[in-house]
C-alpha atoms as a PDB file:
ATOM      1  CA  MET A   1      -0.073  -0.001  -0.217  1.00  0.00           C
ATOM      2  CA  GLY A   2       1.091   3.502  -0.693  1.00  0.00           C
ATOM      3  CA  ALA A   3       1.415   6.411   1.755  1.00  0.00           C
ATOM      4  CA  PRO A   4      -1.724   8.528   2.428  1.00  0.00           C
ATOM      5  CA  GLN A   5      -2.203  11.387   0.212  1.00  0.00           C
ATOM      6  CA  VAL A   6      -2.089  14.730   2.125  1.00  0.00           C
ATOM      7  CA  ARG A   7      -4.122  17.515   0.446  1.00  0.00           C
ATOM      8  CA  THR A   8      -3.308  21.118   0.904  1.00  0.00           C
ATOM      9  CA  ALA A   9      -5.999  24.040   0.855  1.00  0.00           C
ATOM     10  CA  ALA A  10      -5.073  24.678  -2.156  1.00  0.00           C
ATOM     11  CA  ASP A  11      -5.997  21.293  -3.417  1.00  0.00           C
ATOM     12  CA  ALA A  12      -9.205  21.148  -1.575  1.00  0.00           C
ATOM     13  CA  ARG A  13     -10.234  24.094  -3.969  1.00  0.00           C
ATOM     14  CA  GLU A  14     -11.747  23.276  -7.757  1.00  0.00           C
ATOM     15  CA  GLN A  15     -12.377  25.758 -10.502  1.00  0.00           C
ATOM     16  CA  ASP A  16     -15.672  26.353 -12.259  1.00  0.00           C
ATOM     17  CA  PRO A  17     -15.026  25.729 -15.793  1.00  0.00           C
ATOM     18  CA  GLU A  18     -17.448  28.282 -17.293  1.00  0.00           C
ATOM     19  CA  THR A  19     -16.904  31.312 -14.781  1.00  0.00           C
ATOM     20  CA  ASN A  20     -13.175  30.431 -13.834  1.00  0.00           C
ATOM     21  CA  VAL A  21     -14.248  30.875 -10.077  1.00  0.00           C
ATOM     22  CA  THR A  22     -13.081  28.553  -7.459  1.00  0.00           C
ATOM     23  CA  ARG A  23     -15.348  27.020  -4.850  1.00  0.00           C
ATOM     24  CA  ASN A  24     -14.459  25.038  -1.810  1.00  0.00           C
ATOM     25  CA  ALA A  25     -14.409  21.411  -2.799  1.00  0.00           C
ATOM     26  CA  ASN A  26     -15.753  20.402   0.822  1.00  0.00           C
ATOM     27  CA  ASP A  27     -18.695  22.596   0.963  1.00  0.00           C
ATOM     28  CA  ARG A  28     -22.095  20.484   0.701  1.00  0.00           C
ATOM     29  CA  GLY A  29     -25.540  21.169  -0.649  1.00  0.00           C
ATOM     30  CA  PRO A  30     -26.383  23.504  -3.541  1.00  0.00           C
ATOM     31  CA  ALA A  31     -24.241  25.880  -4.825  1.00  0.00           C
ATOM     32  CA  ILE A  32     -25.361  29.373  -6.343  1.00  0.00           C
ATOM     33  CA  TRP A  33     -23.247  31.874  -8.301  1.00  0.00           C
ATOM     34  CA  THR A  34     -24.269  35.511  -7.588  1.00  0.00           C
ATOM     35  CA  SER A  35     -23.816  38.474  -9.836  1.00  0.00           C
ATOM     36  CA  ARG A  36     -21.279  39.833  -7.399  1.00  0.00           C
ATOM     37  CA  GLY A  37     -18.717  36.929  -8.555  1.00  0.00           C
ATOM     38  CA  ARG A  38     -19.354  34.863  -5.591  1.00  0.00           C
ATOM     39  CA  TRP A  39     -20.715  31.196  -4.693  1.00  0.00           C
ATOM     40  CA  LEU A  40     -23.833  31.020  -2.157  1.00  0.00           C
ATOM     41  CA  THR A  41     -23.495  27.433  -0.522  1.00  0.00           C
ATOM     42  CA  GLY A  42     -24.728  25.576   2.512  1.00  0.00           C
ATOM     43  CA  ARG A  43     -27.441  27.135   4.420  1.00  0.00           C
ATOM     44  CA  LYS A  44     -27.373  30.387   2.256  1.00  0.00           C
ATOM     45  CA  ALA A  45     -28.084  28.649  -0.842  1.00  0.00           C
ATOM     46  CA  TYR A  46     -30.979  26.749   0.838  1.00  0.00           C
ATOM     47  CA  ALA A  47     -32.437  30.068   2.320  1.00  0.00           C
ATOM     48  CA  PHE A  48     -32.088  31.417  -1.482  1.00  0.00           C
ATOM     49  CA  VAL A  49     -33.988  28.378  -2.911  1.00  0.00           C
ATOM     50  CA  GLY A  50     -36.626  28.341  -0.312  1.00  0.00           C
ATOM     51  CA  LEU A  51     -37.105  32.406  -0.813  1.00  0.00           C
ATOM     52  CA  LEU A  52     -37.322  31.626  -4.764  1.00  0.00           C
ATOM     53  CA  LEU A  53     -40.217  29.070  -4.264  1.00  0.00           C
ATOM     54  CA  ALA A  54     -42.062  30.948  -2.224  1.00  0.00           C
ATOM     55  CA  VAL A  55     -42.489  34.116  -4.482  1.00  0.00           C
ATOM     56  CA  THR A  56     -43.331  31.445  -7.282  1.00  0.00           C
ATOM     57  CA  PHE A  57     -45.922  30.118  -5.129  1.00  0.00           C
ATOM     58  CA  CYS A  58     -47.553  33.539  -4.514  1.00  0.00           C
ATOM     59  CA  LEU A  59     -47.709  34.107  -7.901  1.00  0.00           C
ATOM     60  CA  GLN A  60     -49.113  31.234  -9.152  1.00  0.00           C
ATOM     61  CA  TRP A  61     -51.644  31.460  -6.396  1.00  0.00           C
ATOM     62  CA  GLU A  62     -52.646  34.839  -7.069  1.00  0.00           C
ATOM     63  CA  ARG A  63     -53.290  33.757 -11.002  1.00  0.00           C
ATOM     64  CA  LEU A  64     -55.305  30.732  -9.625  1.00  0.00           C
ATOM     65  CA  ALA A  65     -57.516  32.983  -7.485  1.00  0.00           C
ATOM     66  CA  ALA A  66     -58.067  35.214 -10.597  1.00  0.00           C
ATOM     67  CA  THR A  67     -59.465  32.523 -12.687  1.00  0.00           C
ATOM     68  CA  GLU A  68     -61.208  30.528 -10.004  1.00  0.00           C
ATOM     69  CA  GLY A  69     -64.518  32.093 -11.192  1.00  0.00           C
ATOM     70  CA  THR A  70     -63.708  30.681 -14.857  1.00  0.00           C
ATOM     71  CA  PHE A  71     -62.850  27.320 -13.760  1.00  0.00           C
ATOM     72  CA  GLN A  72     -66.211  27.095 -11.636  1.00  0.00           C
ATOM     73  CA  ASP A  73     -68.149  28.146 -14.851  1.00  0.00           C
ATOM     74  CA  ILE A  74     -66.399  25.291 -16.897  1.00  0.00           C
ATOM     75  CA  ARG A  75     -67.056  22.598 -14.428  1.00  0.00           C
ATOM     76  CA  SER A  76     -70.509  23.537 -13.704  1.00  0.00           C
ATOM     77  CA  GLU A  77     -71.465  23.520 -17.382  1.00  0.00           C
ATOM     78  CA  GLN A  78     -69.521  20.305 -18.163  1.00  0.00           C
ATOM     79  CA  ARG A  79     -71.381  18.447 -15.265  1.00  0.00           C
ATOM     80  CA  LEU A  80     -74.543  19.940 -16.850  1.00  0.00           C
ATOM     81  CA  THR A  81     -73.287  18.456 -20.148  1.00  0.00           C
ATOM     82  CA  ASN A  82     -72.368  15.127 -18.839  1.00  0.00           C
ATOM     83  CA  LEU A  83     -75.588  15.023 -16.847  1.00  0.00           C
ATOM     84  CA  ASN A  84     -77.716  15.536 -19.974  1.00  0.00           C
ATOM     85  CA  ALA A  85     -75.596  12.998 -21.871  1.00  0.00           C
ATOM     86  CA  GLN A  86     -75.819  10.275 -19.239  1.00  0.00           C
ATOM     87  CA  ARG A  87     -79.752  10.746 -19.311  1.00  0.00           C
ATOM     88  CA  SER A  88     -80.236  10.654 -23.222  1.00  0.00           C
ATOM     89  CA  ALA A  89     -78.292   7.704 -22.994  1.00  0.00           C
ATOM     90  CA  GLY A  90     -80.268   5.901 -20.599  1.00  0.00           C
ATOM     91  CA  GLY A  91     -77.510   6.180 -17.679  1.00  0.00           C
ATOM     92  CA  LEU A  92     -79.727   8.060 -15.648  1.00  0.00           C
ATOM     93  CA  PRO A  93     -83.730   8.527 -15.066  1.00  0.00           C
ATOM     94  CA  ALA A  94     -85.009  11.786 -16.294  1.00  0.00           C
ATOM     95  CA  LEU A  95     -86.980  13.678 -13.924  1.00  0.00           C
ATOM     96  CA  SER A  96     -90.607  12.792 -13.723  1.00  0.00           C
ATOM     97  CA  PRO A  97     -93.180  15.253 -14.400  1.00  0.00           C
ATOM     98  CA  ASP A  98     -94.309  16.023 -10.495  1.00  0.00           C
ATOM     99  CA  ARG A  99     -90.416  16.518 -10.027  1.00  0.00           C
ATOM    100  CA  LEU A 100     -90.400  18.910 -12.656  1.00  0.00           C
ATOM    101  CA  ARG A 101     -93.469  20.884 -11.405  1.00  0.00           C
ATOM    102  CA  ALA A 102     -91.781  21.084  -8.143  1.00  0.00           C
ATOM    103  CA  LEU A 103     -88.425  22.033  -9.738  1.00  0.00           C
ATOM    104  CA  ILE A 104     -89.730  25.024 -11.570  1.00  0.00           C
ATOM    105  CA  LYS A 105     -90.891  26.738  -8.232  1.00  0.00           C
ATOM    106  CA  THR A 106     -87.486  26.386  -6.581  1.00  0.00           C
ATOM    107  CA  ASP A 107     -84.927  26.540  -9.623  1.00  0.00           C
ATOM    108  CA  PRO A 108     -86.385  27.638 -12.926  1.00  0.00           C
ATOM    109  CA  THR A 109     -83.207  27.626 -14.753  1.00  0.00           C
ATOM    110  CA  ALA A 110     -82.211  24.038 -13.677  1.00  0.00           C
ATOM    111  CA  PHE A 111     -86.302  23.347 -14.851  1.00  0.00           C
ATOM    112  CA  PHE A 112     -85.668  24.665 -18.102  1.00  0.00           C
ATOM    113  CA  HIS A 113     -82.543  22.357 -18.763  1.00  0.00           C
ATOM    114  CA  SER A 114     -84.671  19.304 -17.657  1.00  0.00           C
ATOM    115  CA  ALA A 115     -87.583  20.370 -19.571  1.00  0.00           C
ATOM    116  CA  ALA A 116     -85.679  21.002 -22.859  1.00  0.00           C
ATOM    117  CA  GLU A 117     -84.096  17.516 -22.541  1.00  0.00           C
ATOM    118  CA  ARG A 118     -87.547  15.835 -22.039  1.00  0.00           C
ATOM    119  CA  TYR A 119     -88.902  17.434 -24.860  1.00  0.00           C
ATOM    120  CA  GLU A 120     -86.162  16.521 -27.404  1.00  0.00           C
ATOM    121  CA  ARG A 121     -86.409  12.870 -26.118  1.00  0.00           C
ATOM    122  CA  ASN A 122     -90.153  12.778 -26.379  1.00  0.00           C
ATOM    123  CA  ALA A 123     -91.259  14.956 -29.184  1.00  0.00           C
ATOM    124  CA  THR A 124     -90.589  14.418 -32.926  1.00  0.00           C
ATOM    125  CA  ASP A 125     -92.883  17.119 -34.426  1.00  0.00           C
ATOM    126  CA  TYR A 126     -96.059  19.238 -33.653  1.00  0.00           C
ATOM    127  CA  ASP A 127     -98.553  21.445 -34.977  1.00  0.00           C
ATOM    128  CA  CYS A 128    -100.202  24.843 -33.432  1.00  0.00           C
ATOM    129  CA  THR A 129    -101.416  28.059 -33.705  1.00  0.00           C
ATOM    130  CA  PHE A 130     -98.806  30.855 -33.364  1.00  0.00           C
ATOM    131  CA  THR A 131     -99.948  34.501 -32.203  1.00  0.00           C
ATOM    132  CA  LYS A 132     -97.125  37.159 -32.250  1.00  0.00           C
ATOM    133  CA  GLN A 133     -96.845  40.698 -31.665  1.00  0.00           C
ATOM    134  CA  GLU A 134     -93.724  42.829 -32.078  1.00  0.00           C
ATOM    135  CA  ARG A 135     -91.841  46.090 -31.839  1.00  0.00           C
ATOM    136  CA  ILE A 136     -90.003  46.666 -34.807  1.00  0.00           C
ATOM    137  CA  ASP A 137     -87.908  49.780 -35.208  1.00  0.00           C
ATOM    138  CA  GLY A 138     -89.740  51.585 -32.532  1.00  0.00           C
ATOM    139  CA  HIS A 139     -93.293  50.756 -33.857  1.00  0.00           C
ATOM    140  CA  LEU A 140     -95.673  48.320 -32.295  1.00  0.00           C
ATOM    141  CA  MET A 141     -96.703  46.066 -35.179  1.00  0.00           C
ATOM    142  CA  PRO A 142    -100.264  44.360 -35.535  1.00  0.00           C
ATOM    143  CA  GLU A 143    -100.778  41.043 -33.811  1.00  0.00           C
ATOM    144  CA  GLN A 144    -100.422  38.219 -36.361  1.00  0.00           C
ATOM    145  CA  VAL A 145    -101.843  35.011 -36.132  1.00  0.00           C
ATOM    146  CA  MET A 146    -100.607  31.701 -38.289  1.00  0.00           C
ATOM    147  CA  GLN A 147    -101.064  28.008 -38.358  1.00  0.00           C
ATOM    148  CA  VAL A 148     -97.723  26.359 -38.116  1.00  0.00           C
ATOM    149  CA  ARG A 149     -96.161  22.912 -38.325  1.00  0.00           C
ATOM    150  CA  LEU A 150     -92.605  21.928 -36.994  1.00  0.00           C
ATOM    151  CA  ARG A 151     -90.518  18.665 -37.429  1.00  0.00           C
ATOM    152  CA  GLU A 152     -87.409  18.524 -35.460  1.00  0.00           C
ATOM    153  CA  ASN A 153     -85.303  15.952 -37.854  1.00  0.00           C
ATOM    154  CA  PRO A 154     -84.324  17.176 -40.136  1.00  0.00           C
ATOM    155  CA  PHE A 155     -85.326  20.361 -38.272  1.00  0.00           C
ATOM    156  CA  SER A 156     -88.304  22.062 -40.649  1.00  0.00           C
ATOM    157  CA  VAL A 157     -90.893  24.615 -40.198  1.00  0.00           C
ATOM    158  CA  ASP A 158     -93.886  25.734 -42.118  1.00  0.00           C
ATOM    159  CA  MET A 159     -95.730  28.679 -41.397  1.00  0.00           C
ATOM    160  CA  LEU A 160     -99.342  30.210 -42.968  1.00  0.00           C
ATOM    161  CA  TRP A 161    -100.368  33.144 -42.184  1.00  0.00           C
ATOM    162  CA  THR A 162    -104.303  33.554 -41.348  1.00  0.00           C
ATOM    163  CA  ARG A 163    -104.393  37.133 -40.084  1.00  0.00           C
ATOM    164  CA  ASN A 164    -102.435  40.237 -40.676  1.00  0.00           C
ATOM    165  CA  ALA A 165     -99.779  38.638 -43.177  1.00  0.00           C
ATOM    166  CA  ASP A 166     -97.152  41.472 -43.896  1.00  0.00           C
ATOM    167  CA  GLN A 167     -94.754  40.574 -46.702  1.00  0.00           C
ATOM    168  CA  ALA A 168     -95.133  36.782 -46.777  1.00  0.00           C
ATOM    169  CA  ARG A 169     -98.241  34.598 -46.766  1.00  0.00           C
ATOM    170  CA  ARG A 170     -96.494  31.628 -46.191  1.00  0.00           C
ATOM    171  CA  ALA A 171     -93.035  30.619 -45.315  1.00  0.00           C
ATOM    172  CA  THR A 172     -91.313  26.888 -45.409  1.00  0.00           C
ATOM    173  CA  TYR A 173     -87.650  26.211 -44.331  1.00  0.00           C
ATOM    174  CA  VAL A 174     -86.139  22.491 -44.357  1.00  0.00           C
ATOM    175  CA  GLU A 175     -82.724  22.482 -42.777  1.00  0.00           C
ATOM    176  CA  GLY A 176     -80.108  21.752 -45.678  1.00  0.00           C
ATOM    177  CA  ARG A 177     -82.661  21.486 -48.365  1.00  0.00           C
ATOM    178  CA  TRP A 178     -82.539  25.060 -49.650  1.00  0.00           C
ATOM    179  CA  THR A 179     -79.008  26.868 -49.603  1.00  0.00           C
ATOM    180  CA  GLY A 180     -77.496  29.755 -51.632  1.00  0.00           C
ATOM    181  CA  LYS A 181     -74.238  30.227 -53.611  1.00  0.00           C
ATOM    182  CA  HIS A 182     -72.376  30.978 -50.593  1.00  0.00           C
ATOM    183  CA  GLY A 183     -73.829  28.340 -48.217  1.00  0.00           C
ATOM    184  CA  GLU A 184     -76.661  30.850 -46.748  1.00  0.00           C
ATOM    185  CA  LYS A 185     -79.777  29.185 -45.534  1.00  0.00           C
ATOM    186  CA  LEU A 186     -83.086  29.675 -47.817  1.00  0.00           C
ATOM    187  CA  ALA A 187     -86.514  29.628 -46.922  1.00  0.00           C
ATOM    188  CA  LEU A 188     -89.370  29.142 -49.530  1.00  0.00           C
ATOM    189  CA  VAL A 189     -91.705  32.349 -49.232  1.00  0.00           C
ATOM    190  CA  GLU A 190     -94.852  32.749 -50.623  1.00  0.00           C
ATOM    191  CA  PRO A 191     -95.305  36.658 -51.037  1.00  0.00           C
ATOM    192  CA  ALA A 192     -98.710  38.268 -49.483  1.00  0.00           C
ATOM    193  CA  GLY A 193    -101.371  39.622 -51.763  1.00  0.00           C
ATOM    194  CA  ALA A 194    -103.013  38.112 -54.937  1.00  0.00           C
ATOM    195  CA  VAL A 195    -100.934  40.751 -57.222  1.00  0.00           C
ATOM    196  CA  ALA A 196     -97.604  39.834 -55.930  1.00  0.00           C
ATOM    197  CA  ARG A 197     -98.378  36.292 -56.252  1.00  0.00           C
ATOM    198  CA  LEU A 198     -99.271  36.711 -59.948  1.00  0.00           C
ATOM    199  CA  LEU A 199     -95.894  38.065 -60.492  1.00  0.00           C
ATOM    200  CA  LEU A 200     -93.969  35.626 -58.127  1.00  0.00           C
ATOM    201  CA  ASP A 201     -95.656  32.338 -57.066  1.00  0.00           C
ATOM    202  CA  ARG A 202     -92.842  31.706 -54.809  1.00  0.00           C
ATOM    203  CA  VAL A 203     -89.305  32.859 -54.300  1.00  0.00           C
ATOM    204  CA  LEU A 204     -86.139  31.455 -52.370  1.00  0.00           C
ATOM    205  CA  CYS A 205     -84.992  34.419 -49.446  1.00  0.00           C
ATOM    206  CA  PRO A 206     -82.130  34.012 -46.981  1.00  0.00           C
ATOM    207  CA  VAL A 207     -83.673  33.108 -43.584  1.00  0.00           C
ATOM    208  CA  ASP A 208     -81.670  36.144 -42.261  1.00  0.00           C
ATOM    209  CA  ASP A 209     -82.427  38.349 -45.089  1.00  0.00           C
ATOM    210  CA  PRO A 210     -82.391  42.285 -44.196  1.00  0.00           C
ATOM    211  CA  GLU A 211     -85.743  42.571 -45.555  1.00  0.00           C
ATOM    212  CA  ALA A 212     -87.066  39.810 -43.263  1.00  0.00           C
ATOM    213  CA  LYS A 213     -85.854  41.237 -39.996  1.00  0.00           C
ATOM    214  CA  LEU A 214     -87.940  44.494 -40.885  1.00  0.00           C
ATOM    215  CA  ALA A 215     -91.239  41.972 -40.585  1.00  0.00           C
ATOM    216  CA  SER A 216     -90.043  39.620 -37.913  1.00  0.00           C
ATOM    217  CA  ARG A 217     -87.336  39.991 -34.834  1.00  0.00           C
ATOM    218  CA  HIS A 218     -86.579  36.359 -35.177  1.00  0.00           C
ATOM    219  CA  PRO A 219     -85.701  34.089 -38.276  1.00  0.00           C
ATOM    220  CA  ILE A 220     -87.751  31.175 -39.133  1.00  0.00           C
ATOM    221  CA  ASP A 221     -85.106  28.849 -38.067  1.00  0.00           C
ATOM    222  CA  ASP A 222     -85.238  30.253 -34.448  1.00  0.00           C
ATOM    223  CA  PHE A 223     -88.989  28.765 -34.015  1.00  0.00           C
ATOM    224  CA  GLY A 224     -89.942  26.132 -31.773  1.00  0.00           C
ATOM    225  CA  PHE A 225     -90.008  24.967 -28.155  1.00  0.00           C
ATOM    226  CA  ALA A 226     -86.337  23.656 -28.134  1.00  0.00           C
ATOM    227  CA  ASN A 227     -85.313  27.155 -29.512  1.00  0.00           C
ATOM    228  CA  THR A 228     -87.211  29.114 -27.095  1.00  0.00           C
ATOM    229  CA  MET A 229     -86.188  27.333 -24.113  1.00  0.00           C
ATOM    230  CA  ARG A 230     -82.657  28.079 -25.384  1.00  0.00           C
ATOM    231  CA  LEU A 231     -83.214  31.659 -25.758  1.00  0.00           C
ATOM    232  CA  VAL A 232     -84.973  31.889 -22.340  1.00  0.00           C
ATOM    233  CA  LEU A 233     -81.836  30.166 -20.745  1.00  0.00           C
ATOM    234  CA  LYS A 234     -79.154  32.365 -22.612  1.00  0.00           C
ATOM    235  CA  GLY A 235     -77.306  34.256 -20.003  1.00  0.00           C
ATOM    236  CA  CYS A 236     -78.522  32.143 -16.721  1.00  0.00           C
ATOM    237  CA  ARG A 237     -75.589  29.909 -16.430  1.00  0.00           C
ATOM    238  CA  PRO A 238     -75.953  28.349 -12.983  1.00  0.00           C
ATOM    239  CA  ILE A 239     -73.325  28.797 -10.128  1.00  0.00           C
ATOM    240  CA  SER A 240     -71.723  31.492 -12.168  1.00  0.00           C
ATOM    241  CA  HIS A 241     -70.651  35.125 -11.052  1.00  0.00           C
ATOM    242  CA  HIS A 242     -70.758  35.808 -14.658  1.00  0.00           C
ATOM    243  CA  THR A 243     -74.591  35.261 -14.807  1.00  0.00           C
ATOM    244  CA  GLU A 244     -76.232  37.837 -16.693  1.00  0.00           C
ATOM    245  CA  TYR A 245     -80.010  37.132 -16.126  1.00  0.00           C
ATOM    246  CA  SER A 246     -81.679  35.671 -13.015  1.00  0.00           C
ATOM    247  CA  MET A 247     -85.055  33.792 -13.096  1.00  0.00           C
ATOM    248  CA  ARG A 248     -87.512  33.591 -10.290  1.00  0.00           C
ATOM    249  CA  TYR A 249     -90.856  31.524 -10.115  1.00  0.00           C
ATOM    250  CA  VAL A 250     -94.056  34.369  -9.570  1.00  0.00           C
ATOM    251  CA  GLY A 251     -96.843  32.367  -9.348  1.00  0.00           C
ATOM    252  CA  GLU A 252     -99.726  30.703 -11.678  1.00  0.00           C
ATOM    253  CA  GLY A 253    -101.533  31.848 -14.536  1.00  0.00           C
ATOM    254  CA  THR A 254    -103.621  30.897 -17.554  1.00  0.00           C
ATOM    255  CA  VAL A 255    -102.858  30.802 -21.495  1.00  0.00           C
ATOM    256  CA  ASP A 256    -106.020  30.231 -23.792  1.00  0.00           C
ATOM    257  CA  GLY A 257    -107.801  28.691 -20.563  1.00  0.00           C
ATOM    258  CA  ARG A 258    -104.861  26.401 -19.694  1.00  0.00           C
ATOM    259  CA  PRO A 259    -103.103  26.677 -16.555  1.00  0.00           C
ATOM    260  CA  THR A 260     -99.601  27.859 -16.529  1.00  0.00           C
ATOM    261  CA  TYR A 261     -96.572  28.260 -14.188  1.00  0.00           C
ATOM    262  CA  VAL A 262     -95.216  32.086 -14.484  1.00  0.00           C
ATOM    263  CA  VAL A 263     -91.495  32.638 -14.530  1.00  0.00           C
ATOM    264  CA  GLU A 264     -89.887  36.011 -14.530  1.00  0.00           C
ATOM    265  CA  ARG A 265     -86.339  36.808 -16.082  1.00  0.00           C
ATOM    266  CA  ARG A 266     -84.538  39.745 -15.456  1.00  0.00           C
ATOM    267  CA  PRO A 267     -80.929  41.268 -15.640  1.00  0.00           C
ATOM    268  CA  VAL A 268     -78.960  41.132 -12.994  1.00  0.00           C
ATOM    269  CA  ALA A 269     -76.974  44.003 -13.282  1.00  0.00           C
ATOM    270  CA  SER A 270     -79.745  46.376 -14.585  1.00  0.00           C
ATOM    271  CA  ASP A 271     -79.912  50.080 -13.231  1.00  0.00           C
ATOM    272  CA  GLY A 272     -83.296  50.739 -14.668  1.00  0.00           C
ATOM    273  CA  THR A 273     -81.730  52.798 -17.569  1.00  0.00           C
ATOM    274  CA  GLY A 274     -82.688  50.793 -20.423  1.00  0.00           C
ATOM    275  CA  ALA A 275     -79.513  49.060 -21.028  1.00  0.00           C
ATOM    276  CA  TYR A 276     -81.092  46.175 -21.690  1.00  0.00           C
ATOM    277  CA  GLU A 277     -83.375  45.588 -24.510  1.00  0.00           C
ATOM    278  CA  ASP A 278     -85.519  42.911 -22.424  1.00  0.00           C
ATOM    279  CA  GLU A 279     -85.491  44.405 -18.992  1.00  0.00           C
ATOM    280  CA  LEU A 280     -88.201  41.701 -18.051  1.00  0.00           C
ATOM    281  CA  LEU A 281     -89.107  38.826 -19.616  1.00  0.00           C
ATOM    282  CA  VAL A 282     -92.123  36.789 -18.455  1.00  0.00           C
ATOM    283  CA  VAL A 283     -92.475  33.277 -19.379  1.00  0.00           C
ATOM    284  CA  ASP A 284     -95.731  31.171 -19.248  1.00  0.00           C
ATOM    285  CA  VAL A 285     -95.200  27.396 -18.761  1.00  0.00           C
ATOM    286  CA  ASP A 286     -98.032  25.003 -19.478  1.00  0.00           C
ATOM    287  CA  GLN A 287     -98.627  22.669 -16.399  1.00  0.00           C
ATOM    288  CA  GLU A 288     -99.449  19.653 -18.293  1.00  0.00           C
ATOM    289  CA  TYR A 289     -97.204  20.132 -21.276  1.00  0.00           C
ATOM    290  CA  LEU A 290     -94.145  21.467 -19.064  1.00  0.00           C
ATOM    291  CA  LEU A 291     -93.239  23.944 -22.197  1.00  0.00           C
ATOM    292  CA  PRO A 292     -93.362  27.518 -22.525  1.00  0.00           C
ATOM    293  CA  THR A 293     -96.473  28.386 -24.488  1.00  0.00           C
ATOM    294  CA  CYS A 294     -96.512  32.355 -23.968  1.00  0.00           C
ATOM    295  CA  CYS A 295     -93.378  34.692 -24.011  1.00  0.00           C
ATOM    296  CA  THR A 296     -93.780  38.294 -23.383  1.00  0.00           C
ATOM    297  CA  MET A 297     -90.863  40.617 -23.074  1.00  0.00           C
ATOM    298  CA  TYR A 298     -90.664  44.255 -22.175  1.00  0.00           C
ATOM    299  CA  ALA A 299     -88.315  46.841 -22.561  1.00  0.00           C
ATOM    300  CA  ASP A 300     -88.908  48.113 -18.817  1.00  0.00           C
ATOM    301  CA  GLU A 301     -89.157  46.695 -15.518  1.00  0.00           C
ATOM    302  CA  ALA A 302     -92.374  47.673 -14.555  1.00  0.00           C
ATOM    303  CA  GLY A 303     -93.688  45.612 -17.827  1.00  0.00           C
ATOM    304  CA  THR A 304     -95.453  48.252 -19.549  1.00  0.00           C
ATOM    305  CA  GLU A 305     -93.371  48.548 -23.039  1.00  0.00           C
ATOM    306  CA  LEU A 306     -93.909  45.593 -24.938  1.00  0.00           C
ATOM    307  CA  VAL A 307     -91.215  44.633 -27.176  1.00  0.00           C
ATOM    308  CA  GLU A 308     -92.560  41.080 -28.115  1.00  0.00           C
ATOM    309  CA  ARG A 309     -95.047  38.614 -27.169  1.00  0.00           C
ATOM    310  CA  TYR A 310     -95.333  34.779 -28.713  1.00  0.00           C
ATOM    311  CA  VAL A 311     -98.104  32.913 -27.584  1.00  0.00           C
ATOM    312  CA  THR A 312     -98.496  28.866 -28.720  1.00  0.00           C
ATOM    313  CA  THR A 313    -101.994  27.548 -28.874  1.00  0.00           C
ATOM    314  CA  ASN A 314    -103.909  24.126 -30.084  1.00  0.00           C
ATOM    315  CA  ILE A 315    -100.896  22.030 -29.862  1.00  0.00           C
ATOM    316  CA  ARG A 316    -101.004  18.777 -31.216  1.00  0.00           C
ATOM    317  CA  PHE A 317     -97.584  16.642 -30.568  1.00  0.00           C
ATOM    318  CA  ASN A 318     -96.330  13.424 -33.014  1.00  0.00           C
ATOM    319  CA  VAL A 319     -98.737  13.976 -35.609  1.00  0.00           C
ATOM    320  CA  GLY A 320     -96.385  12.037 -37.871  1.00  0.00           C
ATOM    321  CA  LEU A 321     -95.409  15.137 -40.206  1.00  0.00           C
ATOM    322  CA  THR A 322     -93.486  14.000 -43.456  1.00  0.00           C
ATOM    323  CA  ASP A 323     -91.351  15.502 -46.448  1.00  0.00           C
ATOM    324  CA  GLN A 324     -94.759  16.283 -48.150  1.00  0.00           C
ATOM    325  CA  ASP A 325     -95.980  18.737 -45.202  1.00  0.00           C
ATOM    326  CA  PHE A 326     -92.836  20.792 -46.017  1.00  0.00           C
ATOM    327  CA  ALA A 327     -92.521  20.319 -49.867  1.00  0.00           C
ATOM    328  CA  ALA A 328     -92.678  23.349 -52.234  1.00  0.00           C
ATOM    329  CA  THR A 329     -96.304  22.469 -53.400  1.00  0.00           C
ATOM    330  CA  GLY A 330     -97.410  21.307 -50.026  1.00  0.00           C
ATOM    331  CA  ASN A 331    -100.768  22.290 -48.504  1.00  0.00           C
END
C-alpha cells in the first residue's frame, strides 16, 4: 500500500469551467453563483432557493384565484353537459313530470334545462296556432296569427299566415334543403297579396335577410319549443358569477284557458336605465306540457313597454309530419 495522500488547502479548491471562479470542494449542498462573483453555498443557498420557491408559489396562487370563477363556470357547465348526456343515453332516469313541477318553483334555470331535455327526447313534431306581436324599428306592429307545422329532424318549419300577413303569406324552411351560392340558409316564401303572387308564386330568400328582419324580430329557424328554451336560458348559467340574468318563479296564470306556471327573467346588473332591451321577460309554462306557451318581453322593469309577445295554442304533438308537409307544393 502506498503512503496516505495529504491534500493542501489549495488542493481542496476546484475551479468552475464556465466562470473560472473557484469554490471550496468540501462544501455540501447546492451552490449558487451570484452577480457579485461569489458562490452561495450551504445554508445560504438553501435559504435562497426556499425564498425563490415561496415567491413562485405566491404568484401561481394569485393567478389561480383570479381564474377561479372561470374554472367554476367550466366545471358547472361540464357537469350539466355530462348529466344530460347520461340521461339521453339512458344512464340516468329523466326527471318525472311531478319533479319538474316542483323544480320550476325552486330552481327555474334547472327546470328549463331538464324540460328541454325531456322535450327533445319525447317530441318528434307538432302543429299549432302561433300568435305574435312585435315592436320593430320602434313601432308596435299589429298582432299576427298563423298555423305552424314543425318537425325536429330534419328541422323543418311551415308557417301559413291567417291574420295580418305582412310581406309573406307563407314561409317554409327545411334544414339543408335550400342553400344559396355562398352556403346561406334559404326559406321558400310565398308573397302576401294576390297581385304579388301573380308576379312571383314563390321565391327563395335568406332566412337572415335584412328585408325579413323588417317583418320579424327572429328568423324562421329560431322557431320552436327547443329554440325558445335555449333563448330563455341564454345568460342564465347556474353557479356563475358571470350570470347575466336571473329567473324566479312568481306564481300561476293561464294561456288560452290552460293553467300555467309563471317565471320572470330579469338582468342581474340592471340599473333601470334601459341598457338592456329585455328588462323583463315573462314566461308562461303549460302545467301539463311543461313547455313555454307564452313569452312576453318588456323594455322596462314595470312591464309596460312591450317588445314582443309569442303565444302557442292548439298544440298537437307527434302527428307524423312527413317531407310532403314541407314540400314546395305542400298544402
